Amino acid sequence: MTDYDKLKHLGFSQYEITCYLTLAARHPINGSQLSSISGMARSRVYDVLRNMVRKGLVLDIGGGLYVPLPPDE
């Protein structure tokens, strides 16, 4: 099972998977960098990051930087 499949199985949306895998590979990064690396629209990235912070999947470490947290299994 791929990382994508594992995250999908845990209930991540396609956008959340893209953000999470990009963060896992290149953290800490800000939303603009995440947008450039992932190819997602910047406005969409910030919406997804806000939702992921609320869900406890991503941590805002200050200065506009984000890091992934381990998903619950």
C-alpha atoms as a PDB file:
ATOM      1  CA  MET A   1       0.000   0.000   0.000  1.00  0.00           C
ATOM      2  CA  THR A   2       1.413   3.401  -0.997  1.00  0.00           C
ATOM      3  CA  ASP A   3       1.573   6.430   1.302  1.00  0.00           C
ATOM      4  CA  TYR A   4      -1.224   7.970  -0.785  1.00  0.00           C
ATOM      5  CA  ASP A   5      -3.395   4.891  -0.251  1.00  0.00           C
ATOM      6  CA  LYS A   6      -2.661   4.812   3.485  1.00  0.00           C
ATOM      7  CA  LEU A   7      -3.669   8.466   3.893  1.00  0.00           C
ATOM      8  CA  LYS A   8      -6.780   7.957   1.748  1.00  0.00           C
ATOM      9  CA  HIS A   9      -7.701   5.009   3.980  1.00  0.00           C
ATOM     10  CA  LEU A  10      -7.352   7.301   7.016  1.00  0.00           C
ATOM     11  CA  GLY A  11      -9.895   9.688   5.482  1.00  0.00           C
ATOM     12  CA  PHE A  12      -7.634  12.370   4.009  1.00  0.00           C
ATOM     13  CA  SER A  13      -9.022  14.277   1.009  1.00  0.00           C
ATOM     14  CA  GLN A  14      -6.991  14.472  -2.195  1.00  0.00           C
ATOM     15  CA  TYR A  15      -5.913  18.036  -1.330  1.00  0.00           C
ATOM     16  CA  GLU A  16      -4.960  17.005   2.208  1.00  0.00           C
ATOM     17  CA  ILE A  17      -2.899  14.114   0.857  1.00  0.00           C
ATOM     18  CA  THR A  18      -1.060  16.403  -1.547  1.00  0.00           C
ATOM     19  CA  CYS A  19      -0.319  18.949   1.193  1.00  0.00           C
ATOM     20  CA  TYR A  20       0.630  16.314   3.769  1.00  0.00           C
ATOM     21  CA  LEU A  21       3.000  14.404   1.510  1.00  0.00           C
ATOM     22  CA  THR A  22       4.628  17.647   0.357  1.00  0.00           C
ATOM     23  CA  LEU A  23       5.039  18.784   3.971  1.00  0.00           C
ATOM     24  CA  ALA A  24       6.450  15.399   4.959  1.00  0.00           C
ATOM     25  CA  ALA A  25       9.081  15.676   2.245  1.00  0.00           C
ATOM     26  CA  ARG A  26       9.961  19.362   2.719  1.00  0.00           C
ATOM     27  CA  HIS A  27       9.230  20.737   6.191  1.00  0.00           C
ATOM     28  CA  PRO A  28       9.050  23.262   7.626  1.00  0.00           C
ATOM     29  CA  ILE A  29       7.685  25.307   4.728  1.00  0.00           C
ATOM     30  CA  ASN A  30       5.176  28.094   4.272  1.00  0.00           C
ATOM     31  CA  GLY A  31       1.993  28.055   2.213  1.00  0.00           C
ATOM     32  CA  SER A  32       3.574  29.841  -0.744  1.00  0.00           C
ATOM     33  CA  GLN A  33       6.390  27.305  -0.945  1.00  0.00           C
ATOM     34  CA  LEU A  34       3.904  24.464  -0.537  1.00  0.00           C
ATOM     35  CA  SER A  35       1.849  25.878  -3.401  1.00  0.00           C
ATOM     36  CA  SER A  36       4.890  26.122  -5.677  1.00  0.00           C
ATOM     37  CA  ILE A  37       6.120  22.611  -4.893  1.00  0.00           C
ATOM     38  CA  SER A  38       2.735  20.861  -4.980  1.00  0.00           C
ATOM     39  CA  GLY A  39       1.210  22.750  -7.909  1.00  0.00           C
ATOM     40  CA  MET A  40      -1.909  23.622  -5.880  1.00  0.00           C
ATOM     41  CA  ALA A  41      -3.361  27.127  -5.981  1.00  0.00           C
ATOM     42  CA  ARG A  42      -2.036  29.240  -3.105  1.00  0.00           C
ATOM     43  CA  SER A  43      -5.532  30.158  -1.875  1.00  0.00           C
ATOM     44  CA  ARG A  44      -6.493  26.460  -1.810  1.00  0.00           C
ATOM     45  CA  VAL A  45      -3.304  25.536   0.042  1.00  0.00           C
ATOM     46  CA  TYR A  46      -4.076  27.968   2.862  1.00  0.00           C
ATOM     47  CA  ASP A  47      -7.664  26.667   3.155  1.00  0.00           C
ATOM     48  CA  VAL A  48      -6.412  23.094   3.346  1.00  0.00           C
ATOM     49  CA  LEU A  49      -3.683  23.999   5.860  1.00  0.00           C
ATOM     50  CA  ARG A  50      -6.222  25.732   8.136  1.00  0.00           C
ATOM     51  CA  ASN A  51      -8.463  22.662   8.056  1.00  0.00           C
ATOM     52  CA  MET A  52      -5.544  20.323   8.691  1.00  0.00           C
ATOM     53  CA  VAL A  53      -4.385  22.410  11.663  1.00  0.00           C
ATOM     54  CA  ARG A  54      -7.938  22.195  13.091  1.00  0.00           C
ATOM     55  CA  LYS A  55      -7.914  18.411  12.609  1.00  0.00           C
ATOM     56  CA  GLY A  56      -4.532  18.077  14.345  1.00  0.00           C
ATOM     57  CA  LEU A  57      -2.761  16.812  11.219  1.00  0.00           C
ATOM     58  CA  VAL A  58      -0.456  19.802  10.717  1.00  0.00           C
ATOM     59  CA  LEU A  59       1.160  22.186  13.175  1.00  0.00           C
ATOM     60  CA  ASP A  60       1.626  25.923  12.571  1.00  0.00           C
ATOM     61  CA  ILE A  61       5.030  26.513  14.189  1.00  0.00           C
ATOM     62  CA  GLY A  62       4.916  30.276  13.754  1.00  0.00           C
ATOM     63  CA  GLY A  63       6.271  32.627  11.164  1.00  0.00           C
ATOM     64  CA  GLY A  64       3.884  31.111   8.627  1.00  0.00           C
ATOM     65  CA  LEU A  65       5.699  27.760   8.704  1.00  0.00           C
ATOM     66  CA  TYR A  66       3.975  24.383   8.886  1.00  0.00           C
ATOM     67  CA  VAL A  67       5.052  20.848   9.758  1.00  0.00           C
ATOM     68  CA  PRO A  68       3.130  17.579   9.494  1.00  0.00           C
ATOM     69  CA  LEU A  69       2.102  15.604  12.572  1.00  0.00           C
ATOM     70  CA  PRO A  70       1.787  11.809  12.496  1.00  0.00           C
ATOM     71  CA  PRO A  71      -1.756  10.806  11.480  1.00  0.00           C
ATOM     72  CA  ASP A  72      -3.718   8.681  13.946  1.00  0.00           C
ATOM     73  CA  GLU A  73      -4.099   5.129  12.805  1.00  0.00           C
END
